[in-house]
Amino acid sequence: MGRVTGIGGIFFKAKDPAALCAWYRKHLGIDVQAWGGAAFRWADAEGKPTGGTTAWSISGEGSDAFAPSRAPFMINYRVEGLQGLLAALRAEGCEVLEKVEASEYGTFGWVLDPEGNKVELWEPPAGQ
């Protein structure tokens, strides 16, 4: 069974999301979109696209997207065989959240690490 194969995204909270997005756009050149984030397309050593992306996003402090964690961030990990991994994590005594969400972007599940940080597990659609 596969486990983590890469980082699918990094999400964090900000006191002033619009100002922080503007700072990242201006000073680091990140192409922040209207939804508050950017998608970094994967490329091989020669710069050719390889079919994957890593999402990066800022949300407001009031967002409950990371609940029940109180951390100001959440990391999304790409995985293979999400359902099997969630079952294995439960069997290993991990705190796996019951909700599993499927969309055109893939299937998502969540687990809390030992410090209560919410970890997002994402199985991309086939071929991505």
Protein backbone atom coordinates (compact mmCIF):
# COMPACT_ATOMS: atom_id res chain seq x y z
CA MET A 1 0.00 0.00 0.00
CA GLY A 2 1.30 3.45 -0.90
CA ARG A 3 1.45 6.21 1.64
CA VAL A 4 2.57 9.80 1.02
CA THR A 5 3.97 10.44 -2.46
CA GLY A 6 4.47 14.22 -2.28
CA ILE A 7 3.11 17.51 -1.05
CA GLY A 8 -0.15 18.51 -2.69
CA GLY A 9 -0.58 21.85 -0.96
CA ILE A 10 0.26 24.21 1.85
CA PHE A 11 -2.50 26.26 3.42
CA PHE A 12 -2.16 28.89 6.14
CA LYS A 13 -4.12 31.58 7.92
CA ALA A 14 -3.36 35.29 8.03
CA LYS A 15 -4.61 38.29 9.99
CA ASP A 16 -4.98 40.20 6.71
CA PRO A 17 -5.14 37.69 3.84
CA ALA A 18 -5.40 40.32 1.08
CA ALA A 19 -2.32 42.21 2.31
CA LEU A 20 -0.34 39.01 2.76
CA CYS A 21 -1.29 37.79 -0.73
CA ALA A 22 -0.18 41.16 -2.12
CA TRP A 23 3.16 40.86 -0.28
CA TYR A 24 3.84 37.38 -1.70
CA ARG A 25 2.82 38.57 -5.18
CA LYS A 26 5.05 41.67 -5.07
CA HIS A 27 8.12 40.40 -3.25
CA LEU A 28 8.27 36.70 -4.16
CA GLY A 29 6.52 36.79 -7.52
CA ILE A 30 3.86 34.23 -6.59
CA ASP A 31 0.96 34.42 -9.03
CA VAL A 32 -1.73 34.72 -6.35
CA GLN A 33 -5.18 34.26 -7.88
CA ALA A 34 -8.51 35.78 -6.80
CA TRP A 35 -9.27 32.64 -4.72
CA GLY A 36 -6.33 33.52 -2.43
CA GLY A 37 -3.77 31.07 -3.68
CA ALA A 38 -1.57 29.78 -6.45
CA ALA A 39 -0.98 26.46 -8.19
CA PHE A 40 2.63 25.52 -8.80
CA ARG A 41 2.84 23.21 -11.80
CA TRP A 42 5.35 20.41 -11.57
CA ALA A 43 8.12 20.14 -14.13
CA ASP A 44 11.01 17.77 -14.75
CA ALA A 45 14.68 18.77 -14.70
CA GLU A 46 14.34 20.09 -18.26
CA GLY A 47 11.31 22.25 -17.41
CA LYS A 48 8.75 20.03 -19.13
CA PRO A 49 5.38 19.67 -17.31
CA THR A 50 4.95 16.37 -15.47
CA GLY A 51 1.23 16.52 -14.69
CA GLY A 52 1.16 17.48 -11.01
CA THR A 53 0.58 20.65 -9.03
CA THR A 54 1.15 21.91 -5.53
CA ALA A 55 -1.46 24.33 -4.22
CA TRP A 56 -0.56 27.25 -1.94
CA SER A 57 -3.29 29.24 -0.24
CA ILE A 58 -3.92 31.87 2.42
CA SER A 59 -7.20 32.17 4.31
CA GLY A 60 -8.46 34.47 7.05
CA GLU A 61 -7.90 33.77 10.75
CA GLY A 62 -11.63 33.12 11.16
CA SER A 63 -11.61 30.21 8.70
CA ASP A 64 -12.60 26.87 10.20
CA ALA A 65 -11.04 24.90 7.33
CA PHE A 66 -8.38 23.50 9.65
CA ALA A 67 -10.80 22.53 12.47
CA PRO A 68 -10.61 20.75 14.80
CA SER A 69 -6.94 21.81 14.75
CA ARG A 70 -6.12 25.23 16.16
CA ALA A 71 -2.91 25.45 14.13
CA PRO A 72 -2.66 28.31 11.62
CA PHE A 73 -1.61 25.94 8.85
CA MET A 74 -2.44 22.64 7.18
CA ILE A 75 -0.33 20.57 4.81
CA ASN A 76 -1.95 18.48 2.08
CA TYR A 77 -0.08 15.32 1.17
CA ARG A 78 -0.60 13.41 -2.09
CA VAL A 79 -1.25 9.74 -1.39
CA GLU A 80 -1.96 6.50 -3.23
CA GLY A 81 -4.90 4.38 -2.08
CA LEU A 82 -6.55 6.85 0.28
CA GLN A 83 -9.21 4.48 1.63
CA GLY A 84 -6.61 1.83 2.46
CA LEU A 85 -4.34 4.40 4.07
CA LEU A 86 -7.19 5.76 6.23
CA ALA A 87 -8.02 2.21 7.34
CA ALA A 88 -4.37 1.53 8.17
CA LEU A 89 -4.08 4.78 10.13
CA ARG A 90 -7.19 3.86 12.15
CA ALA A 91 -5.74 0.39 12.84
CA GLU A 92 -2.50 2.06 13.98
CA GLY A 93 -4.47 4.11 16.54
CA CYS A 94 -4.37 7.45 14.71
CA GLU A 95 -7.19 9.95 15.05
CA VAL A 96 -8.74 9.83 11.58
CA LEU A 97 -11.63 12.20 10.90
CA GLU A 98 -14.72 10.44 9.62
CA LYS A 99 -15.38 12.82 6.73
CA VAL A 100 -14.07 11.78 3.30
CA GLU A 101 -14.76 14.16 0.44
CA ALA A 102 -14.75 13.31 -3.28
CA SER A 103 -14.80 15.91 -6.06
CA GLU A 104 -13.46 16.45 -9.56
CA TYR A 105 -10.14 17.34 -7.86
CA GLY A 106 -9.82 13.92 -6.24
CA THR A 107 -10.63 12.37 -2.87
CA PHE A 108 -9.69 13.93 0.47
CA GLY A 109 -9.42 12.55 3.99
CA TRP A 110 -7.97 13.94 7.21
CA VAL A 111 -6.02 12.74 10.23
CA LEU A 112 -4.77 14.61 13.30
CA ASP A 113 -1.10 14.27 14.17
CA PRO A 114 -0.07 13.71 17.83
CA GLU A 115 0.03 17.50 18.42
CA GLY A 116 -3.49 18.02 17.07
CA ASN A 117 -2.49 19.44 13.67
CA LYS A 118 -4.96 18.56 10.93
CA VAL A 119 -3.25 16.76 8.03
CA GLU A 120 -5.04 16.58 4.69
CA LEU A 121 -4.56 13.43 2.60
CA TRP A 122 -5.38 13.74 -1.09
CA GLU A 123 -5.66 11.07 -3.73
CA PRO A 124 -5.66 12.92 -7.07
CA PRO A 125 -7.88 11.74 -9.92
CA ALA A 126 -6.43 8.95 -12.05
CA GLY A 127 -3.69 10.20 -14.36
CA GLN A 128 -2.72 13.23 -12.31
